[in-house]
Amino acid sequence: MIWPYLPQFAAGLKLTLLVSLGSFLIAMLVAILAVPLIMSGPKLVRMFLGGYVQIVRGVPELLVIFMVFYGGTVVLSTISGSYFEVDALSAGIAALAAVAFAYLLEILRAALISIPAGQREAGQVLGLKRHQVFSRIIFPQMLMRALPGIGNQWLISLKESALVSVVGLEELMRHSVIAAGATREPMVFYLLAALIYVAITGISTFLLRQAELRLSSGKQS
């Protein structure tokens, strides 16, 4: 009974990983670029980023997806003067990236605060420029201290990818719902989906642990 649906599950898994990885990597990159700004940028920038974090963390992820998908369609249609529908995949990735960014920014900010200020001063005494101090001294330590939180946010992004089905994307969870309805064997397909999620989580946890060990050994050496 399962075998005819395996190709659909494979396609759903591919889309789940695309949405999860795409949104997480975008959020991580933007958070790395934004964390110096929220710490020591212009006051207006710090206020904007702080307000953004508070608002996004207080809004359900599902609502963010709806706002990006339908709101984006309205905005682009208004600008172009004709109906323009936002691509569901782009909207899903953008919405989840917007949510993950808010949490990752706070994770990186907390890690940055935990680094003693004396290390920045020592780098400046050695003649390093401000960006060199950040890239060579501060950033590696910030990443190591933030890695557990980053890993946790990745797992959250993975699970949140199931929400993009509301805008028409057929990811892993959506395919399990379709198969369960067609065969009237819900537990079989829901259990299969659960096992796949657990497998991805296990692999992710292992890789994150290896990254922690490598960063720790690099610091000790």
Protein backbone atom coordinates (compact mmCIF):
# COMPACT_ATOMS: atom_id res chain seq x y z
CA MET A 1 0.00 0.00 0.00
CA ILE A 2 2.91 2.36 0.71
CA TRP A 3 4.97 1.70 -2.41
CA PRO A 4 2.80 3.59 -4.95
CA TYR A 5 3.14 6.74 -2.83
CA LEU A 6 6.90 6.65 -2.32
CA PRO A 7 7.64 8.87 -5.37
CA GLN A 8 5.25 11.49 -3.97
CA PHE A 9 6.91 11.25 -0.57
CA ALA A 10 10.31 11.69 -2.21
CA ALA A 11 9.07 14.81 -4.00
CA GLY A 12 7.58 16.09 -0.76
CA LEU A 13 10.83 15.47 1.10
CA LYS A 14 12.77 17.35 -1.57
CA LEU A 15 10.45 20.34 -1.23
CA THR A 16 10.59 20.19 2.57
CA LEU A 17 14.39 20.32 2.51
CA LEU A 18 14.36 23.10 -0.09
CA VAL A 19 12.03 25.27 1.97
CA SER A 20 13.78 24.50 5.26
CA LEU A 21 17.34 24.95 4.04
CA GLY A 22 16.51 27.91 1.82
CA SER A 23 14.73 29.86 4.53
CA PHE A 24 17.26 28.96 7.23
CA LEU A 25 20.35 29.85 5.19
CA ILE A 26 18.85 33.17 4.09
CA ALA A 27 17.90 33.99 7.67
CA MET A 28 21.32 32.99 8.97
CA LEU A 29 23.18 35.11 6.43
CA VAL A 30 21.05 38.19 7.10
CA ALA A 31 21.32 37.67 10.87
CA ILE A 32 25.13 37.56 10.67
CA LEU A 33 25.12 40.81 8.71
CA ALA A 34 22.59 42.43 11.05
CA VAL A 35 24.00 41.48 14.45
CA PRO A 36 26.73 44.18 14.42
CA LEU A 37 24.04 46.72 13.53
CA ILE A 38 21.72 45.81 16.38
CA MET A 39 24.67 46.02 18.76
CA SER A 40 26.44 49.19 17.64
CA GLY A 41 24.65 50.55 14.58
CA PRO A 42 22.79 53.87 14.28
CA LYS A 43 20.02 54.35 16.82
CA LEU A 44 17.24 54.19 14.22
CA VAL A 45 18.61 50.93 12.84
CA ARG A 46 18.83 49.42 16.31
CA MET A 47 15.28 50.52 17.08
CA PHE A 48 14.01 49.08 13.80
CA LEU A 49 15.71 45.71 14.30
CA GLY A 50 14.60 45.52 17.93
CA GLY A 51 11.02 46.34 16.96
CA TYR A 52 11.10 43.82 14.13
CA VAL A 53 12.26 41.06 16.46
CA GLN A 54 9.54 41.83 18.99
CA ILE A 55 6.77 41.95 16.38
CA VAL A 56 7.75 38.80 14.48
CA ARG A 57 8.26 36.79 17.67
CA GLY A 58 4.76 37.78 18.75
CA VAL A 59 3.00 36.79 15.51
CA PRO A 60 2.11 33.16 14.65
CA GLU A 61 4.23 31.74 11.83
CA LEU A 62 1.11 30.78 9.89
CA LEU A 63 -0.03 34.41 9.87
CA VAL A 64 3.38 35.53 8.58
CA ILE A 65 3.06 33.08 5.67
CA PHE A 66 -0.40 34.43 4.82
CA MET A 67 0.82 38.04 5.05
CA VAL A 68 3.80 37.43 2.76
CA PHE A 69 1.81 35.42 0.21
CA TYR A 70 -1.40 37.46 0.02
CA GLY A 71 0.11 40.77 1.08
CA GLY A 72 2.91 40.38 -1.44
CA THR A 73 0.36 39.70 -4.17
CA VAL A 74 -1.54 42.88 -3.27
CA VAL A 75 1.60 45.04 -3.13
CA LEU A 76 3.09 43.74 -6.39
CA SER A 77 -0.26 43.97 -8.17
CA THR A 78 -0.60 47.59 -7.03
CA ILE A 79 2.91 48.46 -8.17
CA SER A 80 2.63 46.72 -11.54
CA GLY A 81 -0.91 47.93 -12.23
CA SER A 82 -2.08 44.41 -13.09
CA TYR A 83 -2.74 41.22 -11.14
CA PHE A 84 0.50 39.59 -10.02
CA GLU A 85 0.44 36.51 -7.82
CA VAL A 86 3.44 35.79 -5.64
CA ASP A 87 5.02 32.40 -6.25
CA ALA A 88 4.02 30.06 -3.40
CA LEU A 89 7.53 28.62 -3.04
CA SER A 90 9.15 32.04 -2.87
CA ALA A 91 6.52 33.24 -0.40
CA GLY A 92 6.99 30.19 1.82
CA ILE A 93 10.77 30.53 1.90
CA ALA A 94 10.60 34.30 2.47
CA ALA A 95 8.05 33.98 5.28
CA LEU A 96 9.93 31.28 7.16
CA ALA A 97 13.20 33.16 6.62
CA ALA A 98 11.62 36.30 8.11
CA VAL A 99 10.60 34.34 11.20
CA ALA A 100 13.89 32.48 11.59
CA PHE A 101 15.84 35.73 11.17
CA ALA A 102 14.18 37.26 14.23
CA TYR A 103 15.17 34.32 16.43
CA LEU A 104 18.66 33.87 14.96
CA LEU A 105 19.40 37.56 15.43
CA GLU A 106 18.61 37.25 19.13
CA ILE A 107 20.68 34.06 19.40
CA LEU A 108 23.70 35.72 17.79
CA ARG A 109 23.24 38.90 19.82
CA ALA A 110 23.25 36.95 23.08
CA ALA A 111 26.38 35.07 21.98
CA LEU A 112 28.09 38.33 21.02
CA ILE A 113 27.26 39.93 24.37
CA SER A 114 28.81 36.96 26.20
CA ILE A 115 32.24 37.60 24.64
CA PRO A 116 34.45 39.69 26.97
CA ALA A 117 35.00 43.23 25.71
CA GLY A 118 38.71 42.87 26.44
CA GLN A 119 39.13 40.65 23.40
CA ARG A 120 37.99 43.43 21.09
CA GLU A 121 40.36 45.84 22.80
CA ALA A 122 43.23 43.36 22.51
CA GLY A 123 42.62 43.03 18.79
CA GLN A 124 42.68 46.80 18.35
CA VAL A 125 45.92 47.03 20.34
CA LEU A 126 47.46 44.56 17.90
CA GLY A 127 46.65 46.97 15.09
CA LEU A 128 43.69 45.11 13.63
CA LYS A 129 40.94 47.14 12.04
CA ARG A 130 37.40 46.94 13.36
CA HIS A 131 36.19 44.52 10.68
CA GLN A 132 39.30 42.37 11.15
CA VAL A 133 38.67 42.13 14.89
CA PHE A 134 35.13 40.97 14.19
CA SER A 135 35.98 38.47 11.44
CA ARG A 136 39.12 36.96 13.02
CA ILE A 137 38.46 37.13 16.76
CA ILE A 138 34.82 37.81 17.57
CA PHE A 139 32.94 35.95 14.83
CA PRO A 140 34.44 32.47 15.43
CA GLN A 141 33.71 32.72 19.17
CA MET A 142 30.23 34.08 18.56
CA LEU A 143 29.47 31.20 16.21
CA MET A 144 30.72 28.60 18.67
CA ARG A 145 28.71 30.05 21.56
CA ALA A 146 25.60 30.37 19.40
CA LEU A 147 25.81 26.96 17.74
CA PRO A 148 23.43 25.13 20.12
CA GLY A 149 20.80 27.83 19.62
CA ILE A 150 21.41 27.86 15.87
CA GLY A 151 20.95 24.10 15.74
CA ASN A 152 17.73 24.33 17.69
CA GLN A 153 16.41 27.01 15.33
CA TRP A 154 17.26 24.82 12.33
CA LEU A 155 15.14 22.01 13.76
CA ILE A 156 12.31 24.48 14.34
CA SER A 157 12.57 25.70 10.74
CA LEU A 158 12.45 22.11 9.55
CA LYS A 159 9.19 21.46 11.38
CA GLU A 160 7.71 24.82 10.41
CA SER A 161 8.16 23.92 6.73
CA ALA A 162 4.97 21.85 7.08
CA LEU A 163 3.03 25.13 7.33
CA VAL A 164 3.73 26.13 3.72
CA SER A 165 1.07 23.68 2.53
CA VAL A 166 -1.50 26.40 3.33
CA VAL A 167 -0.36 28.31 0.21
CA GLY A 168 -0.54 25.26 -2.03
CA LEU A 169 2.89 23.68 -1.68
CA GLU A 170 2.89 19.90 -1.45
CA GLU A 171 5.72 19.21 0.96
CA LEU A 172 6.25 16.05 2.99
CA MET A 173 3.41 16.54 5.45
CA ARG A 174 0.95 17.50 2.72
CA HIS A 175 1.75 14.34 0.76
CA SER A 176 1.20 12.24 3.87
CA VAL A 177 -2.24 13.84 4.34
CA ILE A 178 -3.14 13.18 0.70
CA ALA A 179 -1.99 9.55 0.88
CA ALA A 180 -3.79 9.01 4.19
CA GLY A 181 -7.03 10.34 2.73
CA ALA A 182 -6.76 8.31 -0.46
CA THR A 183 -6.02 4.99 1.25
CA ARG A 184 -7.84 5.55 4.55
CA GLU A 185 -4.68 4.37 6.28
CA PRO A 186 -3.73 7.53 8.18
CA MET A 187 -1.46 5.97 10.78
CA VAL A 188 0.69 4.26 8.15
CA PHE A 189 1.52 7.45 6.28
CA TYR A 190 1.66 9.73 9.30
CA LEU A 191 4.08 7.30 10.94
CA LEU A 192 6.16 7.23 7.76
CA ALA A 193 6.29 11.04 7.72
CA ALA A 194 7.22 11.08 11.41
CA LEU A 195 10.06 8.60 10.83
CA ILE A 196 11.42 10.75 8.00
CA TYR A 197 11.36 13.87 10.19
CA VAL A 198 13.06 11.97 13.02
CA ALA A 199 15.73 10.72 10.61
CA ILE A 200 16.45 14.25 9.38
CA THR A 201 16.56 15.48 12.97
CA GLY A 202 18.99 12.72 13.93
CA ILE A 203 21.31 13.48 11.02
CA SER A 204 21.14 17.20 11.77
CA THR A 205 21.92 16.65 15.45
CA PHE A 206 24.93 14.49 14.56
CA LEU A 207 26.30 17.08 12.11
CA LEU A 208 25.78 19.90 14.60
CA ARG A 209 27.59 17.92 17.27
CA GLN A 210 30.51 17.36 14.90
CA ALA A 211 30.59 21.08 14.14
CA GLU A 212 30.67 21.88 17.86
CA LEU A 213 33.54 19.47 18.41
CA ARG A 214 35.49 20.91 15.49
CA LEU A 215 35.01 24.48 16.67
CA SER A 216 35.96 23.51 20.22
CA SER A 217 39.12 21.74 19.09
CA GLY A 218 40.01 24.70 16.89
CA LYS A 219 39.68 27.04 19.87
CA GLN A 220 41.85 24.83 22.08
CA SER A 221 44.56 24.57 19.44
